[in-house]
Amino acid sequence: MKNPYQPPKTDPKRDYDRWLETVREQDETDWGGFIFAVVILSIFLFQPLLIDFLVEIFKKL
């Protein structure tokens, strides 16, 4: 009887960490972190303008 199951092929390019989990190199940009940093920096840099804008909005209410 012939076994139809093919065992998974190993990829010699893969690296493993000390817990034998595969380490994947990611060349992609972390857009979530980038947008978060841009929002925080824009709030920090434009803080006086934003406060004046919010004060004007609340005065109209």
PDB file of N, CA and C in Angstrom:
ATOM      1  N   MET A   1       0.851  -1.177   0.000  1.00  0.00           N
ATOM      2  CA  MET A   1       0.000   0.000   0.000  1.00  0.00           C
ATOM      3  C   MET A   1       0.897   1.241   0.000  1.00  0.00           C
ATOM      4  N   LYS A   2       0.529   2.189  -0.834  1.00  0.00           N
ATOM      5  CA  LYS A   2       1.323   3.394  -0.998  1.00  0.00           C
ATOM      6  C   LYS A   2       0.691   4.544  -0.208  1.00  0.00           C
ATOM      7  N   ASN A   3       1.494   5.294   0.504  1.00  0.00           N
ATOM      8  CA  ASN A   3       1.005   6.420   1.309  1.00  0.00           C
ATOM      9  C   ASN A   3       0.855   7.649   0.397  1.00  0.00           C
ATOM     10  N   PRO A   4      -0.373   8.186   0.233  1.00  0.00           N
ATOM     11  CA  PRO A   4      -0.560   9.341  -0.647  1.00  0.00           C
ATOM     12  C   PRO A   4      -0.147  10.663   0.004  1.00  0.00           C
ATOM     13  N   TYR A   5       0.126  10.628   1.296  1.00  0.00           N
ATOM     14  CA  TYR A   5       0.460  11.862   2.011  1.00  0.00           C
ATOM     15  C   TYR A   5       1.888  12.289   1.692  1.00  0.00           C
ATOM     16  N   GLN A   6       2.039  13.515   1.286  1.00  0.00           N
ATOM     17  CA  GLN A   6       3.363  14.097   1.062  1.00  0.00           C
ATOM     18  C   GLN A   6       3.724  14.931   2.290  1.00  0.00           C
ATOM     19  N   PRO A   7       4.813  14.662   2.940  1.00  0.00           N
ATOM     20  CA  PRO A   7       5.178  15.482   4.099  1.00  0.00           C
ATOM     21  C   PRO A   7       5.499  16.907   3.662  1.00  0.00           C
ATOM     22  N   PRO A   8       5.286  17.860   4.546  1.00  0.00           N
ATOM     23  CA  PRO A   8       5.557  19.256   4.173  1.00  0.00           C
ATOM     24  C   PRO A   8       7.031  19.455   3.852  1.00  0.00           C
ATOM     25  N   LYS A   9       7.264  20.238   2.830  1.00  0.00           N
ATOM     26  CA  LYS A   9       8.634  20.509   2.420  1.00  0.00           C
ATOM     27  C   LYS A   9       9.210  21.602   3.303  1.00  0.00           C
ATOM     28  N   THR A  10      10.436  21.449   3.679  1.00  0.00           N
ATOM     29  CA  THR A  10      11.081  22.453   4.519  1.00  0.00           C
ATOM     30  C   THR A  10      11.710  23.519   3.634  1.00  0.00           C
ATOM     31  N   ASP A  11      11.630  24.732   4.106  1.00  0.00           N
ATOM     32  CA  ASP A  11      12.200  25.856   3.381  1.00  0.00           C
ATOM     33  C   ASP A  11      13.521  26.220   4.054  1.00  0.00           C
ATOM     34  N   PRO A  12      14.647  26.035   3.401  1.00  0.00           N
ATOM     35  CA  PRO A  12      15.934  26.328   4.052  1.00  0.00           C
ATOM     36  C   PRO A  12      16.144  27.820   4.298  1.00  0.00           C
ATOM     37  N   LYS A  13      15.320  28.686   3.690  1.00  0.00           N
ATOM     38  CA  LYS A  13      15.485  30.131   3.875  1.00  0.00           C
ATOM     39  C   LYS A  13      14.857  30.621   5.178  1.00  0.00           C
ATOM     40  N   ARG A  14      13.997  29.817   5.783  1.00  0.00           N
ATOM     41  CA  ARG A  14      13.315  30.244   7.005  1.00  0.00           C
ATOM     42  C   ARG A  14      14.267  30.228   8.184  1.00  0.00           C
ATOM     43  N   ASP A  15      14.116  31.226   9.031  1.00  0.00           N
ATOM     44  CA  ASP A  15      14.877  31.288  10.271  1.00  0.00           C
ATOM     45  C   ASP A  15      13.952  30.966  11.425  1.00  0.00           C
ATOM     46  N   TYR A  16      14.521  30.406  12.453  1.00  0.00           N
ATOM     47  CA  TYR A  16      13.745  30.066  13.634  1.00  0.00           C
ATOM     48  C   TYR A  16      14.325  30.787  14.838  1.00  0.00           C
ATOM     49  N   ASP A  17      13.432  31.225  15.741  1.00  0.00           N
ATOM     50  CA  ASP A  17      13.915  31.844  16.958  1.00  0.00           C
ATOM     51  C   ASP A  17      14.196  30.760  17.997  1.00  0.00           C
ATOM     52  N   ARG A  18      14.466  31.165  19.221  1.00  0.00           N
ATOM     53  CA  ARG A  18      14.876  30.186  20.232  1.00  0.00           C
ATOM     54  C   ARG A  18      13.749  29.268  20.674  1.00  0.00           C
ATOM     55  N   TRP A  19      12.487  29.632  20.360  1.00  0.00           N
ATOM     56  CA  TRP A  19      11.355  28.771  20.687  1.00  0.00           C
ATOM     57  C   TRP A  19      10.872  28.005  19.459  1.00  0.00           C
ATOM     58  N   LEU A  20      11.706  27.963  18.428  1.00  0.00           N
ATOM     59  CA  LEU A  20      11.447  27.251  17.175  1.00  0.00           C
ATOM     60  C   LEU A  20      10.200  27.746  16.457  1.00  0.00           C
ATOM     61  N   GLU A  21       9.940  29.029  16.568  1.00  0.00           N
ATOM     62  CA  GLU A  21       8.877  29.654  15.784  1.00  0.00           C
ATOM     63  C   GLU A  21       9.527  30.327  14.579  1.00  0.00           C
ATOM     64  N   THR A  22       8.824  30.307  13.471  1.00  0.00           N
ATOM     65  CA  THR A  22       9.416  30.880  12.268  1.00  0.00           C
ATOM     66  C   THR A  22       9.486  32.393  12.379  1.00  0.00           C
ATOM     67  N   VAL A  23      10.565  32.927  11.908  1.00  0.00           N
ATOM     68  CA  VAL A  23      10.776  34.371  11.902  1.00  0.00           C
ATOM     69  C   VAL A  23      10.618  34.827  10.467  1.00  0.00           C
ATOM     70  N   ARG A  24       9.665  35.684  10.244  1.00  0.00           N
ATOM     71  CA  ARG A  24       9.437  36.211   8.898  1.00  0.00           C
ATOM     72  C   ARG A  24       9.944  37.639   8.843  1.00  0.00           C
ATOM     73  N   GLU A  25      10.734  37.909   7.844  1.00  0.00           N
ATOM     74  CA  GLU A  25      11.208  39.281   7.666  1.00  0.00           C
ATOM     75  C   GLU A  25      10.137  40.063   6.931  1.00  0.00           C
ATOM     76  N   GLN A  26       9.719  41.151   7.529  1.00  0.00           N
ATOM     77  CA  GLN A  26       8.673  41.968   6.925  1.00  0.00           C
ATOM     78  C   GLN A  26       9.296  43.239   6.381  1.00  0.00           C
ATOM     79  N   ASP A  27       9.177  43.397   5.092  1.00  0.00           N
ATOM     80  CA  ASP A  27       9.677  44.612   4.460  1.00  0.00           C
ATOM     81  C   ASP A  27       8.572  45.635   4.283  1.00  0.00           C
ATOM     82  N   GLU A  28       7.371  45.290   4.725  1.00  0.00           N
ATOM     83  CA  GLU A  28       6.239  46.191   4.543  1.00  0.00           C
ATOM     84  C   GLU A  28       6.234  47.259   5.625  1.00  0.00           C
ATOM     85  N   THR A  29       5.629  48.375   5.328  1.00  0.00           N
ATOM     86  CA  THR A  29       5.529  49.479   6.267  1.00  0.00           C
ATOM     87  C   THR A  29       4.366  49.232   7.221  1.00  0.00           C
ATOM     88  N   ASP A  30       4.575  49.548   8.480  1.00  0.00           N
ATOM     89  CA  ASP A  30       3.516  49.440   9.472  1.00  0.00           C
ATOM     90  C   ASP A  30       2.679  50.719   9.392  1.00  0.00           C
ATOM     91  N   TRP A  31       1.642  50.692   8.540  1.00  0.00           N
ATOM     92  CA  TRP A  31       0.855  51.898   8.290  1.00  0.00           C
ATOM     93  C   TRP A  31       0.059  52.321   9.511  1.00  0.00           C
ATOM     94  N   GLY A  32      -0.379  51.380  10.316  1.00  0.00           N
ATOM     95  CA  GLY A  32      -1.117  51.748  11.522  1.00  0.00           C
ATOM     96  C   GLY A  32      -0.262  52.564  12.474  1.00  0.00           C
ATOM     97  N   GLY A  33       0.958  52.130  12.701  1.00  0.00           N
ATOM     98  CA  GLY A  33       1.873  52.875  13.570  1.00  0.00           C
ATOM     99  C   GLY A  33       2.264  54.211  12.984  1.00  0.00           C
ATOM    100  N   PHE A  34       2.436  54.244  11.671  1.00  0.00           N
ATOM    101  CA  PHE A  34       2.801  55.494  11.009  1.00  0.00           C
ATOM    102  C   PHE A  34       1.685  56.537  11.147  1.00  0.00           C
ATOM    103  N   ILE A  35       0.442  56.113  10.902  1.00  0.00           N
ATOM    104  CA  ILE A  35      -0.689  57.046  11.012  1.00  0.00           C
ATOM    105  C   ILE A  35      -0.866  57.500  12.453  1.00  0.00           C
ATOM    106  N   PHE A  36      -0.691  56.593  13.409  1.00  0.00           N
ATOM    107  CA  PHE A  36      -0.787  56.967  14.820  1.00  0.00           C
ATOM    108  C   PHE A  36       0.256  58.028  15.168  1.00  0.00           C
ATOM    109  N   ALA A  37       1.492  57.830  14.716  1.00  0.00           N
ATOM    110  CA  ALA A  37       2.546  58.797  15.010  1.00  0.00           C
ATOM    111  C   ALA A  37       2.263  60.143  14.352  1.00  0.00           C
ATOM    112  N   VAL A  38       1.749  60.143  13.129  1.00  0.00           N
ATOM    113  CA  VAL A  38       1.434  61.397  12.440  1.00  0.00           C
ATOM    114  C   VAL A  38       0.312  62.136  13.161  1.00  0.00           C
ATOM    115  N   VAL A  39      -0.699  61.411  13.615  1.00  0.00           N
ATOM    116  CA  VAL A  39      -1.812  62.057  14.343  1.00  0.00           C
ATOM    117  C   VAL A  39      -1.314  62.659  15.651  1.00  0.00           C
ATOM    118  N   ILE A  40      -0.511  61.925  16.399  1.00  0.00           N
ATOM    119  CA  ILE A  40       0.007  62.441  17.668  1.00  0.00           C
ATOM    120  C   ILE A  40       0.894  63.666  17.434  1.00  0.00           C
ATOM    121  N   LEU A  41       1.753  63.608  16.422  1.00  0.00           N
ATOM    122  CA  LEU A  41       2.609  64.758  16.134  1.00  0.00           C
ATOM    123  C   LEU A  41       1.813  65.966  15.659  1.00  0.00           C
ATOM    124  N   SER A  42       0.765  65.733  14.856  1.00  0.00           N
ATOM    125  CA  SER A  42      -0.039  66.861  14.393  1.00  0.00           C
ATOM    126  C   SER A  42      -0.814  67.484  15.554  1.00  0.00           C
ATOM    127  N   ILE A  43      -1.305  66.667  16.477  1.00  0.00           N
ATOM    128  CA  ILE A  43      -1.986  67.225  17.653  1.00  0.00           C
ATOM    129  C   ILE A  43      -1.000  68.033  18.479  1.00  0.00           C
ATOM    130  N   PHE A  44       0.203  67.508  18.647  1.00  0.00           N
ATOM    131  CA  PHE A  44       1.209  68.211  19.440  1.00  0.00           C
ATOM    132  C   PHE A  44       1.629  69.526  18.783  1.00  0.00           C
ATOM    133  N   LEU A  45       1.828  69.521  17.472  1.00  0.00           N
ATOM    134  CA  LEU A  45       2.313  70.714  16.791  1.00  0.00           C
ATOM    135  C   LEU A  45       1.226  71.773  16.602  1.00  0.00           C
ATOM    136  N   PHE A  46      -0.015  71.328  16.380  1.00  0.00           N
ATOM    137  CA  PHE A  46      -1.101  72.275  16.124  1.00  0.00           C
ATOM    138  C   PHE A  46      -2.016  72.445  17.331  1.00  0.00           C
ATOM    139  N   GLN A  47      -1.499  72.189  18.517  1.00  0.00           N
ATOM    140  CA  GLN A  47      -2.304  72.272  19.732  1.00  0.00           C
ATOM    141  C   GLN A  47      -2.923  73.655  19.942  1.00  0.00           C
ATOM    142  N   PRO A  48      -2.190  74.771  19.821  1.00  0.00           N
ATOM    143  CA  PRO A  48      -2.824  76.075  20.038  1.00  0.00           C
ATOM    144  C   PRO A  48      -3.949  76.348  19.037  1.00  0.00           C
ATOM    145  N   LEU A  49      -3.764  75.982  17.786  1.00  0.00           N
ATOM    146  CA  LEU A  49      -4.805  76.201  16.785  1.00  0.00           C
ATOM    147  C   LEU A  49      -6.035  75.342  17.069  1.00  0.00           C
ATOM    148  N   LEU A  50      -5.810  74.107  17.478  1.00  0.00           N
ATOM    149  CA  LEU A  50      -6.934  73.224  17.780  1.00  0.00           C
ATOM    150  C   LEU A  50      -7.711  73.705  18.999  1.00  0.00           C
ATOM    151  N   ILE A  51      -7.009  74.193  19.998  1.00  0.00           N
ATOM    152  CA  ILE A  51      -7.698  74.699  21.196  1.00  0.00           C
ATOM    153  C   ILE A  51      -8.521  75.924  20.840  1.00  0.00           C
ATOM    154  N   ASP A  52      -7.965  76.846  20.056  1.00  0.00           N
ATOM    155  CA  ASP A  52      -8.721  78.029  19.633  1.00  0.00           C
ATOM    156  C   ASP A  52      -9.941  77.629  18.805  1.00  0.00           C
ATOM    157  N   PHE A  53      -9.786  76.656  17.931  1.00  0.00           N
ATOM    158  CA  PHE A  53     -10.897  76.172  17.111  1.00  0.00           C
ATOM    159  C   PHE A  53     -12.002  75.584  17.983  1.00  0.00           C
ATOM    160  N   LEU A  54     -11.640  74.775  18.961  1.00  0.00           N
ATOM    161  CA  LEU A  54     -12.653  74.183  19.841  1.00  0.00           C
ATOM    162  C   LEU A  54     -13.332  75.231  20.715  1.00  0.00           C
ATOM    163  N   VAL A  55     -12.590  76.238  21.148  1.00  0.00           N
ATOM    164  CA  VAL A  55     -13.180  77.320  21.954  1.00  0.00           C
ATOM    165  C   VAL A  55     -14.211  78.079  21.124  1.00  0.00           C
ATOM    166  N   GLU A  56     -13.907  78.349  19.863  1.00  0.00           N
ATOM    167  CA  GLU A  56     -14.857  79.046  18.997  1.00  0.00           C
ATOM    168  C   GLU A  56     -16.112  78.214  18.753  1.00  0.00           C
ATOM    169  N   ILE A  57     -15.927  76.920  18.592  1.00  0.00           N
ATOM    170  CA  ILE A  57     -17.093  76.056  18.377  1.00  0.00           C
ATOM    171  C   ILE A  57     -17.992  76.056  19.602  1.00  0.00           C
ATOM    172  N   PHE A  58     -17.400  75.954  20.802  1.00  0.00           N
ATOM    173  CA  PHE A  58     -18.217  75.926  22.021  1.00  0.00           C
ATOM    174  C   PHE A  58     -18.846  77.284  22.323  1.00  0.00           C
ATOM    175  N   LYS A  59     -18.219  78.375  21.875  1.00  0.00           N
ATOM    176  CA  LYS A  59     -18.834  79.687  22.066  1.00  0.00           C
ATOM    177  C   LYS A  59     -20.091  79.843  21.208  1.00  0.00           C
ATOM    178  N   LYS A  60     -20.062  79.216  20.018  1.00  0.00           N
ATOM    179  CA  LYS A  60     -21.237  79.312  19.132  1.00  0.00           C
ATOM    180  C   LYS A  60     -22.395  78.494  19.661  1.00  0.00           C
ATOM    181  N   LEU A  61     -22.113  77.466  20.444  1.00  0.00           N
ATOM    182  CA  LEU A  61     -23.200  76.662  20.998  1.00  0.00           C
ATOM    183  C   LEU A  61     -23.813  77.402  22.136  1.00  0.00           C
TER     184      LEU A  61
END
